């Protein structure tokens, strides 16, 4: 391999590597992680005691809009139960789904100042988005 090919390959690797999102992997009680993120972004849970434990492995990404958490698809119902108890009475809509795909979606209001939690069932994952209110930075 000549030096020109090496430099072009290295440049392509750097550009592609920087363009991809980098998820952090974790495991344990994802419910507590979701709760911590929501509170950090100004959320006001209606309950923090006696919440169900949602044990799983997950991966997450945080950016300027909030946190994105991916879990195995079969954890949807457990996460939904957790959110229903932690943010009782704040569900904006859900479950909603499509007849031709097996998807569900719920949304919870985090606080009177905005922000929210969106729970969705995708083809391969359960996805939780913890959305910051406008104007709230990291």
Protein backbone atom coordinates (compact mmCIF):
# COMPACT_ATOMS: atom_id res chain seq x y z
CA UNK A 1 0.00 0.00 0.00
CA UNK A 2 1.44 3.34 -0.95
CA UNK A 3 1.32 6.40 1.24
CA UNK A 4 -1.44 8.09 -0.81
CA UNK A 5 -3.76 5.08 -0.41
CA UNK A 6 -2.95 4.92 3.28
CA UNK A 7 -3.76 8.62 3.82
CA UNK A 8 -7.03 8.38 1.86
CA UNK A 9 -8.05 5.28 3.82
CA UNK A 10 -7.21 6.96 7.11
CA UNK A 11 -9.16 10.10 6.16
CA UNK A 12 -12.21 8.02 5.18
CA UNK A 13 -12.02 6.13 8.47
CA UNK A 14 -11.84 9.35 10.50
CA UNK A 15 -14.72 10.98 8.61
CA UNK A 16 -16.95 7.91 8.86
CA UNK A 17 -16.01 7.34 12.50
CA UNK A 18 -16.89 10.89 13.46
CA UNK A 19 -20.16 10.81 11.54
CA UNK A 20 -21.59 7.81 13.34
CA UNK A 21 -23.42 8.04 16.64
CA UNK A 22 -21.63 6.48 19.57
CA UNK A 23 -23.89 4.62 21.96
CA UNK A 24 -22.80 3.73 25.47
CA UNK A 25 -23.78 0.24 26.62
CA UNK A 26 -25.09 -0.44 30.11
CA UNK A 27 -27.24 -2.91 32.04
CA UNK A 28 -29.21 -3.15 35.26
CA UNK A 29 -32.27 -1.14 36.30
CA UNK A 30 -32.95 0.98 33.23
CA UNK A 31 -35.99 2.51 34.94
CA UNK A 32 -33.78 4.34 37.41
CA UNK A 33 -31.59 5.55 34.54
CA UNK A 34 -34.66 6.91 32.70
CA UNK A 35 -35.84 8.60 35.91
CA UNK A 36 -32.44 10.21 36.48
CA UNK A 37 -32.39 11.56 32.92
CA UNK A 38 -35.93 12.94 33.24
CA UNK A 39 -35.17 14.69 36.54
CA UNK A 40 -31.90 16.03 35.12
CA UNK A 41 -33.86 17.66 32.27
CA UNK A 42 -36.36 19.25 34.67
CA UNK A 43 -38.93 16.47 34.82
CA UNK A 44 -41.24 16.10 37.79
CA UNK A 45 -42.20 12.48 38.37
CA UNK A 46 -45.38 11.95 40.37
CA UNK A 47 -43.73 9.07 42.23
CA UNK A 48 -40.19 7.88 42.89
CA UNK A 49 -40.98 5.28 45.57
CA UNK A 50 -42.06 1.70 45.01
CA UNK A 51 -41.41 1.80 41.28
CA UNK A 52 -41.01 -1.51 39.45
CA UNK A 53 -37.48 -2.61 38.60
CA UNK A 54 -36.78 -2.99 34.88
CA UNK A 55 -33.66 -5.11 34.58
CA UNK A 56 -32.16 -5.33 31.13
CA UNK A 57 -29.18 -4.47 29.01
CA UNK A 58 -29.47 -1.27 27.00
CA UNK A 59 -27.52 1.28 25.04
CA UNK A 60 -27.97 5.03 25.13
CA UNK A 61 -26.93 8.20 23.40
CA UNK A 62 -27.19 11.75 24.70
CA UNK A 63 -27.26 14.81 22.46
CA UNK A 64 -28.56 18.39 22.49
CA UNK A 65 -32.18 17.20 22.27
CA UNK A 66 -32.01 14.70 25.13
CA UNK A 67 -31.34 10.99 25.63
CA UNK A 68 -32.13 8.05 23.37
CA UNK A 69 -32.25 4.64 25.06
CA UNK A 70 -32.54 1.36 23.14
CA UNK A 71 -33.63 -1.84 24.90
CA UNK A 72 -34.67 -5.30 23.75
CA UNK A 73 -38.14 -5.29 22.17
CA UNK A 74 -39.60 -7.57 24.85
CA UNK A 75 -39.04 -4.95 27.59
CA UNK A 76 -41.72 -2.59 26.26
CA UNK A 77 -44.47 -3.60 28.70
CA UNK A 78 -42.12 -3.41 31.70
CA UNK A 79 -40.92 0.08 30.73
CA UNK A 80 -44.52 1.17 30.09
CA UNK A 81 -45.55 0.01 33.58
CA UNK A 82 -42.58 1.85 35.10
CA UNK A 83 -43.40 5.10 33.27
CA UNK A 84 -47.12 4.82 34.10
CA UNK A 85 -46.24 4.65 37.81
CA UNK A 86 -43.43 7.23 37.77
CA UNK A 87 -45.36 9.77 35.68
CA UNK A 88 -48.97 8.87 36.61
CA UNK A 89 -51.53 11.09 34.97
CA UNK A 90 -49.06 12.67 32.55
CA UNK A 91 -49.61 10.32 29.61
CA UNK A 92 -50.43 12.49 26.60
CA UNK A 93 -51.42 9.67 24.29
CA UNK A 94 -50.97 5.98 23.74
CA UNK A 95 -50.98 3.26 23.05
CA UNK A 96 -51.19 3.96 19.37
CA UNK A 97 -50.14 1.57 16.69
CA UNK A 98 -50.50 0.58 13.09
CA UNK A 99 -52.53 -2.39 11.86
CA UNK A 100 -49.85 -3.53 9.41
CA UNK A 101 -46.92 -3.41 11.86
CA UNK A 102 -46.57 -4.43 15.48
CA UNK A 103 -45.65 -1.06 16.92
CA UNK A 104 -46.88 0.88 19.92
CA UNK A 105 -46.09 4.39 21.11
CA UNK A 106 -46.76 6.32 24.32
CA UNK A 107 -45.82 9.83 25.30
CA UNK A 108 -45.55 11.33 28.78
CA UNK A 109 -45.30 14.98 29.71
CA UNK A 110 -42.26 15.58 31.91
CA UNK A 111 -43.11 18.94 33.43
CA UNK A 112 -45.20 22.06 32.98
CA UNK A 113 -42.12 23.64 31.36
CA UNK A 114 -42.09 21.13 28.50
CA UNK A 115 -40.01 18.14 27.64
CA UNK A 116 -41.32 14.65 27.49
CA UNK A 117 -40.69 10.95 27.41
CA UNK A 118 -41.61 8.97 24.35
CA UNK A 119 -41.79 5.19 24.54
CA UNK A 120 -42.02 3.30 21.27
CA UNK A 121 -41.86 -0.28 20.12
CA UNK A 122 -39.83 -0.68 16.95
CA UNK A 123 -39.31 -3.78 14.81
CA UNK A 124 -36.24 -4.81 16.78
CA UNK A 125 -36.06 -2.51 19.84
CA UNK A 126 -37.94 -0.72 22.53
CA UNK A 127 -36.87 2.93 22.32
CA UNK A 128 -37.20 5.57 25.05
CA UNK A 129 -36.59 9.20 24.15
CA UNK A 130 -36.18 11.61 27.07
CA UNK A 131 -36.66 15.00 25.41
CA UNK A 132 -35.33 18.18 26.97
CA UNK A 133 -37.62 21.20 27.19
CA UNK A 134 -36.64 23.91 24.72
CA UNK A 135 -33.94 26.13 26.16
CA UNK A 136 -32.55 23.49 28.58
CA UNK A 137 -28.97 22.57 27.76
CA UNK A 138 -26.74 19.77 28.98
